[in-house]
Amino acid sequence: MSFDDLQPRIAVAVGLLALIPAIIYAVGRPSFGGYVAAINVVLIFWSLYLATEPVANDHHGDESASSAP
């Protein structure tokens, strides 16, 4: 298996591995910095996951919709 065969949504899900060190940092420090970092990792993951979602009803290139009367 190569990186070319990897689907974008699966590659984004691998980014959740960044949550592990953020949680370890949050538990080991008395400040809220680690928790903020963990929330940021989740927000970035979720936005990339939604951005790589397949597009439904893609009418790009539909000639009947772009023709002038």
PDB file of N, CA and C in Angstrom:
ATOM      1  N   MET A   1       0.845  -1.172   0.000  1.00  0.00           N
ATOM      2  CA  MET A   1       0.000   0.000   0.000  1.00  0.00           C
ATOM      3  C   MET A   1       0.891   1.236   0.000  1.00  0.00           C
ATOM      4  N   SER A   2       0.595   2.172  -0.897  1.00  0.00           N
ATOM      5  CA  SER A   2       1.364   3.401  -0.970  1.00  0.00           C
ATOM      6  C   SER A   2       0.496   4.577  -0.530  1.00  0.00           C
ATOM      7  N   PHE A   3       1.118   5.734  -0.432  1.00  0.00           N
ATOM      8  CA  PHE A   3       0.373   6.923  -0.043  1.00  0.00           C
ATOM      9  C   PHE A   3      -0.608   7.351  -1.123  1.00  0.00           C
ATOM     10  N   ASP A   4      -0.366   6.951  -2.362  1.00  0.00           N
ATOM     11  CA  ASP A   4      -1.285   7.297  -3.444  1.00  0.00           C
ATOM     12  C   ASP A   4      -2.621   6.574  -3.310  1.00  0.00           C
ATOM     13  N   ASP A   5      -2.626   5.403  -2.689  1.00  0.00           N
ATOM     14  CA  ASP A   5      -3.848   4.628  -2.512  1.00  0.00           C
ATOM     15  C   ASP A   5      -4.656   5.060  -1.291  1.00  0.00           C
ATOM     16  N   LEU A   6      -4.096   5.917  -0.467  1.00  0.00           N
ATOM     17  CA  LEU A   6      -4.725   6.325   0.779  1.00  0.00           C
ATOM     18  C   LEU A   6      -5.805   7.374   0.512  1.00  0.00           C
ATOM     19  N   GLN A   7      -6.997   7.121   1.011  1.00  0.00           N
ATOM     20  CA  GLN A   7      -8.098   8.065   0.833  1.00  0.00           C
ATOM     21  C   GLN A   7      -7.888   9.277   1.734  1.00  0.00           C
ATOM     22  N   PRO A   8      -8.301  10.470   1.289  1.00  0.00           N
ATOM     23  CA  PRO A   8      -8.064  11.679   2.081  1.00  0.00           C
ATOM     24  C   PRO A   8      -8.697  11.640   3.468  1.00  0.00           C
ATOM     25  N   ARG A   9      -9.884  11.091   3.584  1.00  0.00           N
ATOM     26  CA  ARG A   9     -10.552  11.065   4.894  1.00  0.00           C
ATOM     27  C   ARG A   9      -9.815  10.159   5.871  1.00  0.00           C
ATOM     28  N   ILE A  10      -9.200   9.107   5.381  1.00  0.00           N
ATOM     29  CA  ILE A  10      -8.425   8.231   6.262  1.00  0.00           C
ATOM     30  C   ILE A  10      -7.143   8.929   6.685  1.00  0.00           C
ATOM     31  N   ALA A  11      -6.530   9.642   5.762  1.00  0.00           N
ATOM     32  CA  ALA A  11      -5.314  10.381   6.093  1.00  0.00           C
ATOM     33  C   ALA A  11      -5.606  11.461   7.132  1.00  0.00           C
ATOM     34  N   VAL A  12      -6.760  12.098   7.044  1.00  0.00           N
ATOM     35  CA  VAL A  12      -7.142  13.107   8.028  1.00  0.00           C
ATOM     36  C   VAL A  12      -7.361  12.449   9.381  1.00  0.00           C
ATOM     37  N   ALA A  13      -7.954  11.275   9.399  1.00  0.00           N
ATOM     38  CA  ALA A  13      -8.199  10.573  10.658  1.00  0.00           C
ATOM     39  C   ALA A  13      -6.898  10.217  11.371  1.00  0.00           C
ATOM     40  N   VAL A  14      -5.843   9.995  10.621  1.00  0.00           N
ATOM     41  CA  VAL A  14      -4.538   9.723  11.228  1.00  0.00           C
ATOM     42  C   VAL A  14      -4.074  10.951  12.010  1.00  0.00           C
ATOM     43  N   GLY A  15      -4.547  12.118  11.611  1.00  0.00           N
ATOM     44  CA  GLY A  15      -4.215  13.340  12.332  1.00  0.00           C
ATOM     45  C   GLY A  15      -4.723  13.356  13.763  1.00  0.00           C
ATOM     46  N   LEU A  16      -5.682  12.510  14.071  1.00  0.00           N
ATOM     47  CA  LEU A  16      -6.157  12.408  15.458  1.00  0.00           C
ATOM     48  C   LEU A  16      -5.085  11.868  16.389  1.00  0.00           C
ATOM     49  N   LEU A  17      -4.043  11.282  15.835  1.00  0.00           N
ATOM     50  CA  LEU A  17      -2.934  10.822  16.669  1.00  0.00           C
ATOM     51  C   LEU A  17      -2.256  11.999  17.378  1.00  0.00           C
ATOM     52  N   ALA A  18      -2.425  13.198  16.866  1.00  0.00           N
ATOM     53  CA  ALA A  18      -1.886  14.382  17.522  1.00  0.00           C
ATOM     54  C   ALA A  18      -2.611  14.671  18.831  1.00  0.00           C
ATOM     55  N   LEU A  19      -3.748  14.051  19.031  1.00  0.00           N
ATOM     56  CA  LEU A  19      -4.498  14.234  20.265  1.00  0.00           C
ATOM     57  C   LEU A  19      -3.794  13.581  21.458  1.00  0.00           C
ATOM     58  N   ILE A  20      -3.055  12.526  21.202  1.00  0.00           N
ATOM     59  CA  ILE A  20      -2.381  11.798  22.285  1.00  0.00           C
ATOM     60  C   ILE A  20      -1.376  12.684  23.024  1.00  0.00           C
ATOM     61  N   PRO A  21      -0.407  13.306  22.326  1.00  0.00           N
ATOM     62  CA  PRO A  21       0.518  14.156  23.084  1.00  0.00           C
ATOM     63  C   PRO A  21      -0.152  15.383  23.702  1.00  0.00           C
ATOM     64  N   ALA A  22      -1.220  15.889  23.075  1.00  0.00           N
ATOM     65  CA  ALA A  22      -1.925  17.040  23.649  1.00  0.00           C
ATOM     66  C   ALA A  22      -2.591  16.657  24.967  1.00  0.00           C
ATOM     67  N   ILE A  23      -3.169  15.479  25.030  1.00  0.00           N
ATOM     68  CA  ILE A  23      -3.804  15.018  26.276  1.00  0.00           C
ATOM     69  C   ILE A  23      -2.747  14.732  27.340  1.00  0.00           C
ATOM     70  N   ILE A  24      -1.643  14.130  26.943  1.00  0.00           N
ATOM     71  CA  ILE A  24      -0.559  13.873  27.901  1.00  0.00           C
ATOM     72  C   ILE A  24      -0.031  15.186  28.457  1.00  0.00           C
ATOM     73  N   TYR A  25       0.130  16.179  27.607  1.00  0.00           N
ATOM     74  CA  TYR A  25       0.575  17.499  28.065  1.00  0.00           C
ATOM     75  C   TYR A  25      -0.452  18.118  29.003  1.00  0.00           C
ATOM     76  N   ALA A  26      -1.742  17.959  28.679  1.00  0.00           N
ATOM     77  CA  ALA A  26      -2.801  18.540  29.511  1.00  0.00           C
ATOM     78  C   ALA A  26      -2.828  17.912  30.898  1.00  0.00           C
ATOM     79  N   VAL A  27      -2.602  16.612  30.975  1.00  0.00           N
ATOM     80  CA  VAL A  27      -2.640  15.925  32.258  1.00  0.00           C
ATOM     81  C   VAL A  27      -1.408  16.279  33.097  1.00  0.00           C
ATOM     82  N   GLY A  28      -0.278  16.493  32.436  1.00  0.00           N
ATOM     83  CA  GLY A  28       0.968  16.748  33.160  1.00  0.00           C
ATOM     84  C   GLY A  28       1.188  18.171  33.589  1.00  0.00           C
ATOM     85  N   ARG A  29       0.395  19.107  33.107  1.00  0.00           N
ATOM     86  CA  ARG A  29       0.580  20.525  33.439  1.00  0.00           C
ATOM     87  C   ARG A  29      -0.626  21.052  34.203  1.00  0.00           C
ATOM     88  N   PRO A  30      -0.396  21.981  35.113  1.00  0.00           N
ATOM     89  CA  PRO A  30      -1.529  22.526  35.876  1.00  0.00           C
ATOM     90  C   PRO A  30      -2.334  23.584  35.115  1.00  0.00           C
ATOM     91  N   SER A  31      -1.841  24.070  33.978  1.00  0.00           N
ATOM     92  CA  SER A  31      -2.562  25.123  33.257  1.00  0.00           C
ATOM     93  C   SER A  31      -3.544  24.512  32.253  1.00  0.00           C
ATOM     94  N   PHE A  32      -4.303  25.390  31.606  1.00  0.00           N
ATOM     95  CA  PHE A  32      -5.296  24.952  30.637  1.00  0.00           C
ATOM     96  C   PHE A  32      -4.742  24.858  29.220  1.00  0.00           C
ATOM     97  N   GLY A  33      -3.469  25.112  29.032  1.00  0.00           N
ATOM     98  CA  GLY A  33      -2.864  25.110  27.699  1.00  0.00           C
ATOM     99  C   GLY A  33      -3.008  23.784  26.985  1.00  0.00           C
ATOM    100  N   GLY A  34      -2.827  22.691  27.669  1.00  0.00           N
ATOM    101  CA  GLY A  34      -2.963  21.373  27.061  1.00  0.00           C
ATOM    102  C   GLY A  34      -4.382  21.070  26.639  1.00  0.00           C
ATOM    103  N   TYR A  35      -5.328  21.510  27.436  1.00  0.00           N
ATOM    104  CA  TYR A  35      -6.734  21.283  27.086  1.00  0.00           C
ATOM    105  C   TYR A  35      -7.137  22.115  25.865  1.00  0.00           C
ATOM    106  N   VAL A  36      -6.626  23.337  25.802  1.00  0.00           N
ATOM    107  CA  VAL A  36      -6.887  24.177  24.633  1.00  0.00           C
ATOM    108  C   VAL A  36      -6.266  23.548  23.389  1.00  0.00           C
ATOM    109  N   ALA A  37      -5.058  23.005  23.535  1.00  0.00           N
ATOM    110  CA  ALA A  37      -4.409  22.338  22.402  1.00  0.00           C
ATOM    111  C   ALA A  37      -5.207  21.120  21.949  1.00  0.00           C
ATOM    112  N   ALA A  38      -5.730  20.346  22.895  1.00  0.00           N
ATOM    113  CA  ALA A  38      -6.528  19.170  22.547  1.00  0.00           C
ATOM    114  C   ALA A  38      -7.815  19.573  21.824  1.00  0.00           C
ATOM    115  N   ILE A  39      -8.445  20.647  22.277  1.00  0.00           N
ATOM    116  CA  ILE A  39      -9.652  21.126  21.602  1.00  0.00           C
ATOM    117  C   ILE A  39      -9.317  21.605  20.199  1.00  0.00           C
ATOM    118  N   ASN A  40      -8.180  22.270  20.041  1.00  0.00           N
ATOM    119  CA  ASN A  40      -7.762  22.732  18.715  1.00  0.00           C
ATOM    120  C   ASN A  40      -7.511  21.560  17.774  1.00  0.00           C
ATOM    121  N   VAL A  41      -6.914  20.488  18.269  1.00  0.00           N
ATOM    122  CA  VAL A  41      -6.677  19.306  17.435  1.00  0.00           C
ATOM    123  C   VAL A  41      -8.007  18.738  16.959  1.00  0.00           C
ATOM    124  N   VAL A  42      -8.984  18.655  17.834  1.00  0.00           N
ATOM    125  CA  VAL A  42     -10.301  18.126  17.460  1.00  0.00           C
ATOM    126  C   VAL A  42     -10.984  19.039  16.445  1.00  0.00           C
ATOM    127  N   LEU A  43     -10.902  20.353  16.648  1.00  0.00           N
ATOM    128  CA  LEU A  43     -11.525  21.288  15.700  1.00  0.00           C
ATOM    129  C   LEU A  43     -10.869  21.210  14.323  1.00  0.00           C
ATOM    130  N   ILE A  44      -9.554  21.107  14.286  1.00  0.00           N
ATOM    131  CA  ILE A  44      -8.857  20.991  13.004  1.00  0.00           C
ATOM    132  C   ILE A  44      -9.210  19.683  12.326  1.00  0.00           C
ATOM    133  N   PHE A  45      -9.239  18.582  13.097  1.00  0.00           N
ATOM    134  CA  PHE A  45      -9.628  17.296  12.522  1.00  0.00           C
ATOM    135  C   PHE A  45     -11.024  17.377  11.933  1.00  0.00           C
ATOM    136  N   TRP A  46     -11.970  17.919  12.688  1.00  0.00           N
ATOM    137  CA  TRP A  46     -13.362  17.946  12.234  1.00  0.00           C
ATOM    138  C   TRP A  46     -13.525  18.795  10.977  1.00  0.00           C
ATOM    139  N   SER A  47     -12.837  19.940  10.916  1.00  0.00           N
ATOM    140  CA  SER A  47     -12.966  20.784   9.734  1.00  0.00           C
ATOM    141  C   SER A  47     -12.337  20.130   8.508  1.00  0.00           C
ATOM    142  N   LEU A  48     -11.203  19.467   8.667  1.00  0.00           N
ATOM    143  CA  LEU A  48     -10.597  18.762   7.535  1.00  0.00           C
ATOM    144  C   LEU A  48     -11.429  17.555   7.117  1.00  0.00           C
ATOM    145  N   TYR A  49     -12.029  16.884   8.081  1.00  0.00           N
ATOM    146  CA  TYR A  49     -12.883  15.739   7.777  1.00  0.00           C
ATOM    147  C   TYR A  49     -14.088  16.182   6.950  1.00  0.00           C
ATOM    148  N   LEU A  50     -14.681  17.309   7.312  1.00  0.00           N
ATOM    149  CA  LEU A  50     -15.811  17.827   6.548  1.00  0.00           C
ATOM    150  C   LEU A  50     -15.371  18.353   5.186  1.00  0.00           C
ATOM    151  N   ALA A  51     -14.182  18.921   5.116  1.00  0.00           N
ATOM    152  CA  ALA A  51     -13.691  19.469   3.854  1.00  0.00           C
ATOM    153  C   ALA A  51     -13.390  18.382   2.831  1.00  0.00           C
ATOM    154  N   THR A  52     -13.061  17.188   3.283  1.00  0.00           N
ATOM    155  CA  THR A  52     -12.743  16.095   2.365  1.00  0.00           C
ATOM    156  C   THR A  52     -13.948  15.198   2.111  1.00  0.00           C
ATOM    157  N   GLU A  53     -15.116  15.641   2.531  1.00  0.00           N
ATOM    158  CA  GLU A  53     -16.347  14.884   2.308  1.00  0.00           C
ATOM    159  C   GLU A  53     -16.682  14.878   0.814  1.00  0.00           C
ATOM    160  N   PRO A  54     -17.135  13.752   0.300  1.00  0.00           N
ATOM    161  CA  PRO A  54     -17.531  13.720  -1.117  1.00  0.00           C
ATOM    162  C   PRO A  54     -18.691  14.676  -1.386  1.00  0.00           C
ATOM    163  N   VAL A  55     -18.684  15.272  -2.563  1.00  0.00           N
ATOM    164  CA  VAL A  55     -19.714  16.234  -2.930  1.00  0.00           C
ATOM    165  C   VAL A  55     -20.878  15.482  -3.570  1.00  0.00           C
ATOM    166  N   ALA A  56     -22.077  15.686  -3.032  1.00  0.00           N
ATOM    167  CA  ALA A  56     -23.275  15.054  -3.583  1.00  0.00           C
ATOM    168  C   ALA A  56     -23.912  15.995  -4.600  1.00  0.00           C
ATOM    169  N   ASN A  57     -24.523  15.429  -5.608  1.00  0.00           N
ATOM    170  CA  ASN A  57     -25.226  16.196  -6.646  1.00  0.00           C
ATOM    171  C   ASN A  57     -24.324  17.212  -7.316  1.00  0.00           C
ATOM    172  N   ASP A  58     -23.158  16.774  -7.701  1.00  0.00           N
ATOM    173  CA  ASP A  58     -22.206  17.655  -8.368  1.00  0.00           C
ATOM    174  C   ASP A  58     -22.629  17.830  -9.818  1.00  0.00           C
ATOM    175  N   HIS A  59     -23.076  19.022 -10.175  1.00  0.00           N
ATOM    176  CA  HIS A  59     -23.541  19.310 -11.530  1.00  0.00           C
ATOM    177  C   HIS A  59     -22.523  20.122 -12.305  1.00  0.00           C
ATOM    178  N   HIS A  60     -21.280  20.009 -11.926  1.00  0.00           N
ATOM    179  CA  HIS A  60     -20.228  20.746 -12.620  1.00  0.00           C
ATOM    180  C   HIS A  60     -20.109  20.211 -14.054  1.00  0.00           C
ATOM    181  N   GLY A  61     -20.202  21.101 -14.993  1.00  0.00           N
ATOM    182  CA  GLY A  61     -20.110  20.687 -16.390  1.00  0.00           C
ATOM    183  C   GLY A  61     -21.442  20.348 -17.008  1.00  0.00           C
ATOM    184  N   ASP A  62     -22.546  20.551 -16.288  1.00  0.00           N
ATOM    185  CA  ASP A  62     -23.873  20.283 -16.825  1.00  0.00           C
ATOM    186  C   ASP A  62     -24.223  21.407 -17.797  1.00  0.00           C
ATOM    187  N   GLU A  63     -24.325  21.088 -19.067  1.00  0.00           N
ATOM    188  CA  GLU A  63     -24.526  22.107 -20.099  1.00  0.00           C
ATOM    189  C   GLU A  63     -25.921  22.717 -20.065  1.00  0.00           C
ATOM    190  N   SER A  64     -26.923  21.972 -19.618  1.00  0.00           N
ATOM    191  CA  SER A  64     -28.291  22.509 -19.613  1.00  0.00           C
ATOM    192  C   SER A  64     -28.436  23.619 -18.571  1.00  0.00           C
ATOM    193  N   ALA A  65     -27.673  23.585 -17.503  1.00  0.00           N
ATOM    194  CA  ALA A  65     -27.771  24.606 -16.468  1.00  0.00           C
ATOM    195  C   ALA A  65     -27.034  25.883 -16.865  1.00  0.00           C
ATOM    196  N   SER A  66     -26.060  25.798 -17.747  1.00  0.00           N
ATOM    197  CA  SER A  66     -25.266  26.977 -18.087  1.00  0.00           C
ATOM    198  C   SER A  66     -25.654  27.589 -19.445  1.00  0.00           C
ATOM    199  N   SER A  67     -26.607  27.019 -20.112  1.00  0.00           N
ATOM    200  CA  SER A  67     -26.985  27.560 -21.435  1.00  0.00           C
ATOM    201  C   SER A  67     -27.854  28.797 -21.270  1.00  0.00           C
ATOM    202  N   ALA A  68     -27.602  29.785 -22.101  1.00  0.00           N
ATOM    203  CA  ALA A  68     -28.353  31.030 -22.053  1.00  0.00           C
ATOM    204  C   ALA A  68     -29.601  30.907 -22.935  1.00  0.00           C
ATOM    205  N   PRO A  69     -30.717  31.588 -22.585  1.00  0.00           N
ATOM    206  CA  PRO A  69     -31.944  31.504 -23.388  1.00  0.00           C
ATOM    207  C   PRO A  69     -31.844  32.209 -24.704  1.00  0.00           C
TER     208      PRO A  69
END
